[in-house]
Protein backbone atom coordinates (compact mmCIF):
# COMPACT_ATOMS: atom_id res chain seq x y z
CA MET A 1 -21.60 6.67 -133.98
CA ASP A 2 -24.95 5.98 -132.33
CA PRO A 3 -24.36 6.37 -128.56
CA VAL A 4 -27.43 4.31 -127.67
CA ALA A 5 -26.34 1.40 -129.87
CA VAL A 6 -22.76 1.54 -128.60
CA ARG A 7 -23.79 1.61 -124.93
CA ALA A 8 -26.29 -1.19 -125.49
CA GLU A 9 -23.57 -3.35 -127.02
CA MET A 10 -21.21 -2.46 -124.18
CA ASP A 11 -23.82 -3.57 -121.63
CA ARG A 12 -24.20 -6.92 -123.44
CA VAL A 13 -20.45 -7.45 -123.42
CA LEU A 14 -20.08 -6.47 -119.74
CA ALA A 15 -22.80 -8.95 -118.79
CA SER A 16 -20.80 -11.84 -120.26
CA LYS A 17 -19.02 -14.26 -117.93
CA ARG A 18 -15.49 -13.14 -118.86
CA PHE A 19 -16.14 -9.46 -118.20
CA ALA A 20 -18.30 -10.02 -115.13
CA LYS A 21 -15.28 -11.66 -113.47
CA SER A 22 -12.77 -8.98 -114.51
CA HIS A 23 -13.15 -5.62 -112.82
CA LEU A 24 -10.20 -4.06 -114.66
CA LEU A 25 -11.36 -5.11 -118.12
CA SER A 26 -14.83 -3.76 -117.42
CA LEU A 27 -13.44 -0.43 -116.21
CA LEU A 28 -11.23 -0.07 -119.28
CA LEU A 29 -14.00 -0.95 -121.75
CA ARG A 30 -16.44 1.49 -120.15
CA PHE A 31 -13.84 4.26 -120.23
CA LEU A 32 -12.99 3.65 -123.90
CA VAL A 33 -16.68 3.63 -124.84
CA GLU A 34 -17.45 6.94 -123.10
CA HIS A 35 -14.32 8.54 -124.55
CA ALA A 36 -15.27 7.41 -128.06
CA ILE A 37 -18.85 8.68 -127.70
CA ALA A 38 -17.57 12.04 -126.45
CA GLY A 39 -15.39 12.31 -129.56
CA GLY A 40 -12.22 12.87 -127.57
CA PRO A 41 -8.73 12.98 -129.10
CA PRO A 42 -6.58 9.83 -129.47
CA LEU A 43 -5.86 8.46 -126.03
CA GLU A 44 -2.42 8.52 -124.47
CA GLU A 45 -1.14 5.82 -122.14
CA ASP A 46 -0.71 8.14 -119.15
CA ALA A 47 -4.31 9.41 -119.42
CA ILE A 48 -5.65 5.86 -119.19
CA ALA A 49 -3.26 5.04 -116.35
CA SER A 50 -4.59 8.00 -114.36
CA GLN A 51 -8.30 7.90 -115.19
CA VAL A 52 -8.86 4.13 -115.22
CA PHE A 53 -6.22 2.60 -112.99
CA GLY A 54 -5.63 5.41 -110.51
CA ARG A 55 -1.93 5.79 -111.22
CA PRO A 56 -0.22 9.01 -109.95
CA ASP A 57 1.24 11.86 -112.03
CA SER A 58 4.64 10.16 -111.73
CA PHE A 59 3.39 7.17 -113.77
CA ALA A 60 6.06 5.77 -116.10
CA SER A 61 4.97 3.20 -118.66
CA GLN A 62 8.48 1.77 -118.82
CA LEU A 63 8.18 0.69 -115.18
CA ASP A 64 4.45 0.00 -115.02
CA PRO A 65 2.98 -1.74 -118.12
CA ILE A 66 -0.57 -1.99 -116.74
CA VAL A 67 -2.18 -0.02 -119.59
CA ARG A 68 -0.57 -2.07 -122.36
CA VAL A 69 -1.23 -5.35 -120.56
CA GLN A 70 -4.89 -4.59 -119.91
CA ASN A 71 -5.36 -3.20 -123.42
CA ARG A 72 -4.05 -6.47 -124.90
CA ARG A 73 -6.28 -8.46 -122.57
CA LEU A 74 -9.28 -6.35 -123.59
CA ARG A 75 -8.55 -6.86 -127.30
CA ALA A 76 -8.28 -10.62 -126.79
CA ALA A 77 -11.42 -10.74 -124.63
CA LEU A 78 -13.51 -8.90 -127.24
CA ILE A 79 -12.25 -11.18 -130.03
CA GLU A 80 -13.06 -14.21 -127.90
CA TYR A 81 -16.51 -12.78 -127.10
CA TYR A 82 -17.53 -12.45 -130.75
CA GLU A 83 -15.82 -15.64 -131.90
CA SER A 84 -17.75 -17.64 -129.30
CA GLY A 85 -20.86 -17.30 -131.47
CA ARG A 86 -22.42 -14.25 -129.85
CA ARG A 87 -23.98 -12.08 -132.51
CA PRO A 88 -23.56 -8.33 -131.91
CA GLY A 89 -26.44 -5.88 -131.97
CA GLN A 90 -26.26 -2.89 -134.26
CA VAL A 91 -22.50 -2.55 -133.68
CA ALA A 92 -19.49 -4.63 -132.69
CA LEU A 93 -16.78 -3.30 -130.37
CA GLY A 94 -13.06 -3.83 -130.72
CA VAL A 95 -9.59 -2.57 -129.89
CA PRO A 96 -7.01 -2.07 -132.68
CA ASP A 97 -3.56 -3.64 -132.70
CA ARG A 98 -1.98 -0.22 -132.24
CA GLY A 99 -3.15 2.58 -129.99
CA PHE A 100 -5.64 2.60 -127.15
CA ASP A 101 -8.87 3.74 -128.78
CA LEU A 102 -12.11 1.84 -129.31
CA THR A 103 -13.24 0.67 -132.74
CA VAL A 104 -16.95 0.49 -133.54
CA GLN A 105 -18.12 -1.53 -136.54
CA GLU A 106 -21.71 -1.33 -137.74
CA ARG A 107 -23.44 -4.59 -138.54
CA ALA A 108 -26.31 -5.01 -140.97
CA PRO A 109 -29.40 -6.79 -139.56
CA ALA A 110 -29.61 -10.52 -140.40
CA GLY A 111 -31.65 -11.43 -143.45
CA LYS A 112 -31.61 -7.93 -144.87
CA VAL A 113 -32.32 -8.06 -148.60
CA ARG A 114 -30.97 -5.46 -150.99
CA ARG A 115 -33.65 -3.86 -153.07
CA ARG A 116 -33.23 -2.21 -156.42
CA ARG A 117 -32.93 1.50 -156.06
CA LYS A 118 -35.84 3.43 -157.42
CA PRO A 119 -35.09 6.42 -159.65
CA TRP A 120 -35.98 8.95 -156.97
CA LYS A 121 -33.54 7.30 -154.57
CA SER A 122 -30.79 7.56 -157.17
CA LEU A 123 -31.59 11.24 -157.56
CA ALA A 124 -31.45 11.73 -153.79
CA LEU A 125 -28.10 9.96 -153.66
CA ALA A 126 -26.78 12.19 -156.43
CA LEU A 127 -27.90 15.28 -154.53
CA ILE A 128 -26.18 14.07 -151.38
CA VAL A 129 -22.95 13.44 -153.26
CA ALA A 130 -23.18 16.90 -154.77
CA CYS A 131 -23.68 18.49 -151.37
CA VAL A 132 -20.67 16.66 -149.99
CA ALA A 133 -18.60 17.81 -152.93
CA LEU A 134 -19.62 21.41 -152.26
CA GLY A 135 -18.77 21.08 -148.56
CA LEU A 136 -22.39 21.47 -147.45
CA HIS A 137 -22.58 18.25 -145.44
CA PHE A 138 -23.09 18.10 -141.70
CA ARG A 139 -20.13 17.19 -139.52
CA PRO A 140 -20.64 15.11 -136.34
CA TYR A 141 -19.87 16.78 -133.03
CA ARG A 142 -16.28 16.38 -131.86
CA ALA A 143 -15.22 17.67 -128.48
CA ASP A 144 -12.63 20.43 -128.40
CA ASP A 145 -9.24 18.85 -127.62
CA ARG A 146 -8.47 21.58 -125.07
CA ALA A 147 -11.68 20.82 -123.14
CA VAL A 148 -10.92 17.10 -123.18
CA ARG A 149 -7.42 17.65 -121.81
CA LEU A 150 -8.70 20.02 -119.11
CA ASN A 151 -11.38 17.51 -118.12
CA LEU A 152 -8.82 14.71 -117.71
CA ALA A 153 -6.43 16.92 -115.75
CA ALA A 154 -9.24 18.22 -113.51
CA ARG A 155 -10.39 14.69 -112.70
CA ASN A 156 -6.86 13.72 -111.78
CA LEU A 157 -6.58 16.71 -109.44
CA ARG A 158 -9.99 16.02 -107.92
CA SER A 159 -8.91 12.50 -106.98
CA HIS A 160 -6.14 13.91 -104.74
CA GLY A 161 -8.79 15.30 -102.38
CA THR A 162 -6.81 18.19 -100.86
CA PRO A 163 -8.63 21.55 -100.62
CA ALA A 164 -6.13 23.22 -102.95
CA ASP A 165 -6.42 20.47 -105.57
CA ILE A 166 -10.21 20.48 -105.37
CA ALA A 167 -10.32 24.26 -105.89
CA ARG A 168 -7.99 23.99 -108.90
CA SER A 169 -10.05 21.10 -110.25
CA ALA A 170 -13.25 23.18 -110.09
CA ALA A 171 -11.54 26.03 -111.94
CA MET A 172 -10.32 23.69 -114.67
CA PHE A 173 -13.74 22.12 -115.16
CA SER A 174 -15.22 25.63 -115.46
CA GLN A 175 -12.59 26.50 -118.04
CA ALA A 176 -13.37 23.32 -119.99
CA VAL A 177 -17.10 24.06 -120.29
CA ALA A 178 -16.31 27.67 -121.22
CA ILE A 179 -14.22 26.35 -124.12
CA ASP A 180 -16.75 23.70 -125.19
CA SER A 181 -20.24 24.07 -123.74
CA ARG A 182 -21.35 20.85 -125.47
CA TYR A 183 -18.82 18.61 -123.71
CA ALA A 184 -20.94 16.63 -121.22
CA PRO A 185 -18.11 14.96 -119.20
CA ALA A 186 -16.75 18.37 -118.17
CA TRP A 187 -20.20 19.55 -117.05
CA SER A 188 -20.60 16.35 -115.04
CA GLY A 189 -17.15 16.67 -113.48
CA LEU A 190 -17.91 20.28 -112.52
CA ALA A 191 -21.17 19.22 -110.89
CA ALA A 192 -19.42 16.54 -108.85
CA VAL A 193 -16.56 18.73 -107.65
CA LEU A 194 -18.92 21.52 -106.57
CA LEU A 195 -20.34 19.18 -103.93
CA MET A 196 -16.90 18.73 -102.37
CA PRO A 197 -15.65 20.95 -99.52
CA GLY A 198 -13.07 23.46 -100.71
CA SER A 199 -14.41 23.95 -104.23
CA THR A 200 -16.73 26.88 -103.62
CA GLY A 201 -14.24 29.71 -103.04
CA LEU A 202 -16.26 32.85 -102.31
CA MET A 203 -19.59 31.18 -103.17
CA THR A 204 -22.09 30.38 -100.46
CA ARG A 205 -23.11 26.76 -100.08
CA SER A 206 -26.50 27.55 -101.61
CA GLU A 207 -24.81 29.05 -104.66
CA ALA A 208 -22.54 26.04 -105.02
CA ILE A 209 -25.48 23.63 -104.85
CA ALA A 210 -27.39 25.67 -107.44
CA ARG A 211 -24.38 25.62 -109.77
CA ALA A 212 -23.91 21.87 -109.25
CA ARG A 213 -27.58 21.20 -110.00
CA ASN A 214 -27.37 23.29 -113.17
CA ALA A 215 -24.12 21.62 -114.30
CA ALA A 216 -25.54 18.14 -113.74
CA GLY A 217 -28.65 19.10 -115.69
CA ASN A 218 -26.51 20.34 -118.59
CA ALA A 219 -24.52 17.10 -118.60
CA ILE A 220 -27.65 14.96 -118.68
CA ARG A 221 -29.25 17.10 -121.39
CA LEU A 222 -26.17 16.61 -123.56
CA ASN A 223 -25.70 12.95 -122.63
CA PRO A 224 -28.59 11.24 -120.79
CA GLY A 225 -26.41 8.19 -120.20
CA ILE A 226 -23.80 9.91 -118.04
CA GLY A 227 -24.14 8.19 -114.67
CA GLU A 228 -21.90 10.56 -112.71
CA ALA A 229 -24.31 13.46 -113.27
CA HIS A 230 -27.27 11.39 -112.06
CA GLY A 231 -25.20 10.58 -108.97
CA VAL A 232 -24.70 14.29 -108.33
CA LEU A 233 -28.45 14.91 -108.56
CA ALA A 234 -28.99 12.02 -106.16
CA GLY A 235 -26.62 13.60 -103.65
CA ILE A 236 -28.33 16.97 -103.94
CA ARG A 237 -31.77 15.46 -103.45
CA LEU A 238 -30.59 13.48 -100.43
CA PHE A 239 -28.40 15.99 -98.59
CA TRP A 240 -29.95 19.28 -99.70
CA ASP A 241 -33.58 18.64 -100.66
CA TYR A 242 -34.19 15.87 -98.08
CA ASP A 243 -35.99 13.98 -100.85
CA TRP A 244 -35.05 10.34 -100.27
CA ALA A 245 -37.45 8.88 -102.85
CA GLY A 246 -36.09 11.15 -105.58
CA ALA A 247 -32.52 10.53 -104.45
CA GLU A 248 -32.84 6.75 -104.51
CA ALA A 249 -34.30 6.81 -108.02
CA GLU A 250 -31.31 8.85 -109.21
CA PHE A 251 -28.86 6.58 -107.37
CA ARG A 252 -30.28 3.51 -109.06
CA ARG A 253 -30.23 5.21 -112.45
CA ALA A 254 -26.60 6.26 -111.95
CA ILE A 255 -25.54 2.75 -110.94
CA ARG A 256 -27.38 1.19 -113.86
CA LEU A 257 -25.56 3.53 -116.25
CA GLU A 258 -22.14 3.28 -114.58
CA PRO A 259 -22.03 0.19 -112.33
CA SER A 260 -18.25 0.52 -111.90
CA ALA A 261 -18.30 3.98 -110.26
CA PRO A 262 -17.36 3.54 -106.57
CA GLU A 263 -18.21 7.12 -105.53
CA VAL A 264 -21.87 6.78 -106.46
CA ARG A 265 -22.21 3.45 -104.66
CA ARG A 266 -20.53 4.91 -101.58
CA MET A 267 -22.93 7.85 -101.49
CA TYR A 268 -25.87 5.50 -102.05
CA ALA A 269 -24.64 3.39 -99.13
CA ARG A 270 -24.72 6.44 -96.86
CA GLY A 271 -28.25 7.21 -97.98
CA LEU A 272 -29.30 3.63 -97.25
CA MET A 273 -27.65 3.85 -93.83
CA SER A 274 -29.57 7.05 -93.05
CA ARG A 275 -32.79 5.11 -93.66
CA GLY A 276 -31.77 2.19 -91.44
CA ARG A 277 -31.27 -0.19 -94.38
CA PHE A 278 -27.98 -1.41 -93.00
CA GLU A 279 -27.49 -4.69 -94.88
CA GLU A 280 -28.05 -2.95 -98.22
CA ALA A 281 -25.65 -0.20 -97.15
CA ILE A 282 -22.98 -2.75 -96.23
CA SER A 283 -23.42 -4.49 -99.58
CA GLN A 284 -22.99 -1.24 -101.55
CA THR A 285 -19.96 -0.27 -99.44
CA GLU A 286 -18.26 -3.60 -100.07
CA ILE A 287 -18.92 -3.33 -103.81
CA ALA A 288 -17.48 0.19 -103.81
CA ALA A 289 -14.35 -1.01 -102.02
CA GLY A 290 -13.87 -3.66 -104.71
CA LEU A 291 -14.16 -1.02 -107.41
CA ASP A 292 -11.61 1.38 -105.91
CA PRO A 293 -8.44 1.83 -107.98
CA ALA A 294 -5.20 0.33 -106.72
CA GLY A 295 -3.64 2.40 -103.97
CA ALA A 296 -6.85 4.21 -102.99
CA PRO A 297 -7.11 4.90 -99.24
CA PRO A 298 -9.51 2.58 -97.41
CA SER A 299 -12.97 3.92 -96.68
CA THR A 300 -14.24 4.28 -93.13
CA ASP A 301 -17.87 3.84 -94.23
CA LEU A 302 -18.18 0.21 -93.15
CA ALA A 303 -17.14 1.03 -89.56
CA GLU A 304 -19.71 3.85 -89.46
CA ILE A 305 -22.49 1.60 -90.75
CA PHE A 306 -21.68 -1.07 -88.16
CA CYS A 307 -21.95 1.51 -85.37
CA ALA A 308 -25.20 2.97 -86.73
CA ALA A 309 -26.58 -0.60 -86.67
CA HIS A 310 -25.44 -0.91 -83.02
CA ARG A 311 -22.84 -3.50 -84.02
CA TYR A 312 -20.24 -1.68 -81.97
CA ASP A 313 -17.65 -4.45 -81.60
CA GLU A 314 -17.51 -4.88 -85.38
CA GLY A 315 -17.38 -1.12 -85.90
CA ILE A 316 -14.48 -0.67 -83.47
CA ALA A 317 -12.60 -3.63 -84.96
CA GLU A 318 -13.03 -2.26 -88.48
CA ALA A 319 -11.92 1.22 -87.37
CA ARG A 320 -8.82 -0.20 -85.66
CA ARG A 321 -7.99 -2.17 -88.80
CA ILE A 322 -8.06 1.03 -90.88
CA VAL A 323 -5.95 2.90 -88.29
CA GLN A 324 -3.34 0.15 -88.50
CA GLN A 325 -3.54 -0.08 -92.30
CA THR A 326 -3.15 3.67 -92.84
CA GLY A 327 -0.65 4.36 -90.10
CA GLY A 328 -3.21 6.37 -88.16
CA THR A 329 -4.58 8.98 -90.53
CA SER A 330 -6.88 11.61 -89.08
CA ALA A 331 -9.91 10.13 -90.85
CA ALA A 332 -9.19 6.68 -89.42
CA ARG A 333 -8.60 7.95 -85.87
CA LEU A 334 -11.72 10.11 -86.01
CA THR A 335 -13.78 7.09 -87.01
CA LEU A 336 -12.26 5.06 -84.19
CA GLY A 337 -12.97 7.84 -81.70
CA VAL A 338 -16.60 8.09 -82.77
CA ALA A 339 -17.02 4.30 -82.66
CA LEU A 340 -15.59 4.13 -79.13
CA THR A 341 -17.86 6.98 -78.05
CA GLU A 342 -20.94 5.25 -79.40
CA ALA A 343 -19.91 2.12 -77.51
CA ARG A 344 -19.67 4.37 -74.41
CA GLN A 345 -15.94 3.76 -74.03
CA TYR A 346 -15.35 7.45 -73.37
CA ASP A 347 -11.91 7.24 -71.74
CA GLN A 348 -10.52 5.55 -74.86
CA ALA A 349 -12.48 7.72 -77.28
CA ILE A 350 -11.53 11.15 -75.94
CA PRO A 351 -7.77 10.92 -76.69
CA GLU A 352 -8.50 9.86 -80.28
CA LEU A 353 -10.91 12.74 -80.83
CA GLN A 354 -8.57 15.22 -79.14
CA SER A 355 -5.69 14.24 -81.41
CA VAL A 356 -7.74 14.83 -84.56
CA ALA A 357 -9.25 18.10 -83.32
CA LEU A 358 -5.80 19.44 -82.43
CA ALA A 359 -3.96 18.14 -85.50
CA ASP A 360 -6.47 19.11 -88.18
CA GLY A 361 -8.65 21.70 -86.49
CA SER A 362 -11.62 19.53 -87.51
CA LEU A 363 -14.81 21.11 -86.18
CA TYR A 364 -16.63 17.80 -86.60
CA ALA A 365 -14.02 16.07 -84.42
CA MET A 366 -14.40 18.90 -81.91
CA ALA A 367 -18.19 18.43 -81.84
CA ARG A 368 -17.80 14.68 -81.28
CA LEU A 369 -15.29 15.45 -78.52
CA GLY A 370 -17.80 17.79 -76.87
CA TYR A 371 -20.45 15.08 -77.07
CA ALA A 372 -18.07 12.54 -75.49
CA TYR A 373 -17.26 14.90 -72.60
CA GLY A 374 -20.95 15.59 -72.02
CA ALA A 375 -21.98 11.92 -72.20
CA LYS A 376 -19.19 11.08 -69.74
CA GLY A 377 -20.63 13.66 -67.33
CA ASP A 378 -17.95 16.34 -67.68
CA ARG A 379 -20.23 19.29 -68.49
CA LEU A 380 -17.47 21.82 -67.84
CA ALA A 381 -15.23 20.32 -70.56
CA ALA A 382 -18.21 19.99 -72.91
CA GLY A 383 -19.08 23.65 -72.37
CA ALA A 384 -15.50 24.65 -73.15
CA VAL A 385 -15.67 22.73 -76.44
CA LEU A 386 -18.95 24.48 -77.25
CA ASP A 387 -17.27 27.86 -76.69
CA ARG A 388 -14.43 26.88 -79.05
CA LEU A 389 -16.95 25.83 -81.69
CA ASP A 390 -18.78 29.14 -81.41
CA GLU A 391 -15.49 31.04 -81.79
CA ALA A 392 -14.70 29.06 -84.94
CA PHE A 393 -18.19 29.63 -86.36
CA ALA A 394 -17.84 33.38 -85.75
CA LYS A 395 -14.67 33.42 -87.90
CA LEU A 396 -16.41 31.39 -90.62
CA LEU A 397 -19.47 33.69 -90.56
CA SER A 398 -21.71 30.60 -90.49
CA ILE A 399 -22.86 28.03 -87.96
CA GLN A 400 -22.95 24.26 -88.36
CA TRP A 401 -26.02 23.70 -86.20
CA SER A 402 -25.78 19.91 -86.19
CA TYR A 403 -22.35 20.18 -84.50
CA ARG A 404 -23.77 22.28 -81.69
CA ALA A 405 -26.67 19.82 -81.42
CA LEU A 406 -24.23 16.98 -80.75
CA VAL A 407 -22.64 18.77 -77.81
CA PHE A 408 -25.99 19.77 -76.29
CA THR A 409 -27.21 16.18 -76.67
CA GLY A 410 -24.17 14.87 -74.82
CA MET A 411 -24.83 17.41 -72.04
CA GLY A 412 -28.46 16.26 -71.82
CA ASP A 413 -29.85 19.64 -72.91
CA ILE A 414 -32.60 18.26 -75.15
CA GLN A 415 -34.38 21.59 -75.67
CA ARG A 416 -31.35 23.34 -77.14
CA ALA A 417 -30.26 20.22 -79.04
CA VAL A 418 -33.59 20.04 -80.88
CA ASP A 419 -33.56 23.80 -81.49
CA CYS A 420 -30.16 23.39 -83.17
CA LEU A 421 -31.39 20.48 -85.28
CA GLN A 422 -34.34 22.52 -86.50
CA ASN A 423 -31.93 25.30 -87.49
CA GLY A 424 -29.80 22.67 -89.22
CA ILE A 425 -32.74 21.62 -91.38
CA THR A 426 -33.39 25.24 -92.31
CA ASN A 427 -29.67 25.52 -93.18
CA HIS A 428 -29.90 22.35 -95.36
CA GLU A 429 -27.10 20.59 -93.46
CA GLY A 430 -26.39 17.13 -94.83
CA ASP A 431 -25.53 15.56 -91.46
CA ILE A 432 -29.13 16.09 -90.32
CA ASN A 433 -30.10 13.10 -92.49
CA PHE A 434 -28.41 10.73 -90.04
CA ILE A 435 -30.09 11.75 -86.78
CA GLY A 436 -32.47 8.80 -87.03
CA VAL A 437 -29.64 6.25 -86.89
CA ASP A 438 -26.89 8.11 -85.03
CA PRO A 439 -26.46 6.42 -81.62
CA ALA A 440 -25.59 9.83 -80.16
CA TYR A 441 -29.29 10.70 -80.26
CA GLU A 442 -30.47 7.44 -78.73
CA GLU A 443 -31.29 9.08 -75.39
CA ILE A 444 -33.67 11.64 -76.95
CA ARG A 445 -35.40 9.42 -79.53
CA ALA A 446 -38.67 9.49 -77.59
CA ASP A 447 -38.78 13.27 -77.22
CA PRO A 448 -41.88 14.49 -79.14
CA ARG A 449 -40.03 17.31 -80.91
CA PHE A 450 -37.26 14.94 -81.97
CA VAL A 451 -39.84 12.45 -83.24
CA ALA A 452 -41.43 15.24 -85.29
CA LEU A 453 -38.05 16.09 -86.82
CA ARG A 454 -37.44 12.49 -87.83
CA ARG A 455 -40.88 12.29 -89.45
CA ARG A 456 -40.21 15.52 -91.30
CA LEU A 457 -36.98 14.05 -92.72
CA GLY A 458 -38.43 10.60 -93.32
CA THR A 459 -35.72 8.93 -91.23
CA PRO A 460 -36.23 5.95 -88.86
C-alpha cells in the first residue's frame, strides 16, 4: 500500500459534495485510511465506536448501532462516488460487505499498453519468483498488535481528561512505542498527552516538553502525514518557544493533513486569539465545535475570545449558556467569573471565582479572584489571595509567575506585575502569550516595560 497514493485518493473523495456535507462519514473514512496505512489488526466495532464516535467504555452495539449504520453508509457513498463517473487516481477505496476495514484497489493508468517482455525481464521475474520460494522476499511493515491495542486504549483514556486517566494514558503510549518503535500513531499520541497537565509525573515541565518534541519528531519521521504530531509541534512553538510564525505554519500543515481534528483547530484558535485575530479565532472555534464527538462537553473558548475582543455582553451570554448547559461545571463557572470581571462586574464575578477556587483548589481561579479583589479596590483581600498563592507555590516547588502578575495588576502595582511577567517568559509559561489581548492588562498597556514585553512576544 502506497500511503501517499491512498491519502491523495482520500482527499479527493473527502472533497466531493457527499462527503463535504457529512461530518461522520468523513471522520470514519479518515480513521479507516490511517488504520490501514498503519497496518493495524482487523478493526472491532467497539474500537471504532470509541475512537471515531466518542462512545464510552460501556458502549454496547446491540443498543447503539452507530458503527454498523455509518459503515453501511460509507460503503454506499464510496460506491456512489465511483459509479458517478469519477475516475480514481492510483487507487480506489472501498469498504467490504463484512467487517469494518478499508479495501484499497490499485488501478492501472488509462491507455497503458502491454509490451512484450524482453528476455532479461523474464530472467529477472524468474529470479524474483525463486527468491520468494526460498523465503528471501521483503515483508511490508505491519504494526505490532499489542502496540495498536495500547494506542487505542491510551487514546480512549486520554479523552476522559482526568489527571489519573491522563497519567495512565501517557504510560500506555510509552509502553506502545517500547513494544513497536516504528508505530507512528503511538509516538504522536505520546507527544500530545505529554502537553497535558497531569502526564509528567516526576518530570519537570522542561523535560516533558523535550520528550513531547522528540516524540512528535519520531512520529513525523515515520509518517510525515500524521497531522496530530504537527499540531503538537505547533503547540510547543506557540506556548514554549514563543515562535508564532513557526507555530502557525505547523497549525496549517496539521489542519491540511487532518481537517477533522477538533483539538488542533481549538489550539490554533487560541493562537489566533493571542495575536488579536479574533474573527479567524471564532471561525476555527466554531468549526472545532462542529467536529466534536457526540456527548463532548462544550468548550468555553468562544466566550473567552468574545471577552478578549472586548465583546463582553456576548462573552457573558455565552458563558452563562455553558453554565446552564453543563449544570454549572467548574470550567463553565470559572469562564463566567472571568468574563464578569473583565466587564468590571466585580460583585457578580467574585462569588463565581470563589466557588471554583474553593471547590477545585484551582490556582488560576485564585489568581483571577485576587485580580478581581484588587480591581474592585479591596487591596487587603487581594493581598490575602497573593499569600495563599505563594503558600501553594511553595508546596509545588515552583511559581506560576503569570498568576502573581494578575494579582499585582489588579492591585495597580505595575512594577511588580511586569517583573512577574518577565519571570514568566523566562519560565516559558504559556499564559504569557495572551497578555496582549487580556483585558486584565488594559490599564498597563502604555507602560514602556509592558510594551517591550509585548514586542518581545510579538503580541498586539
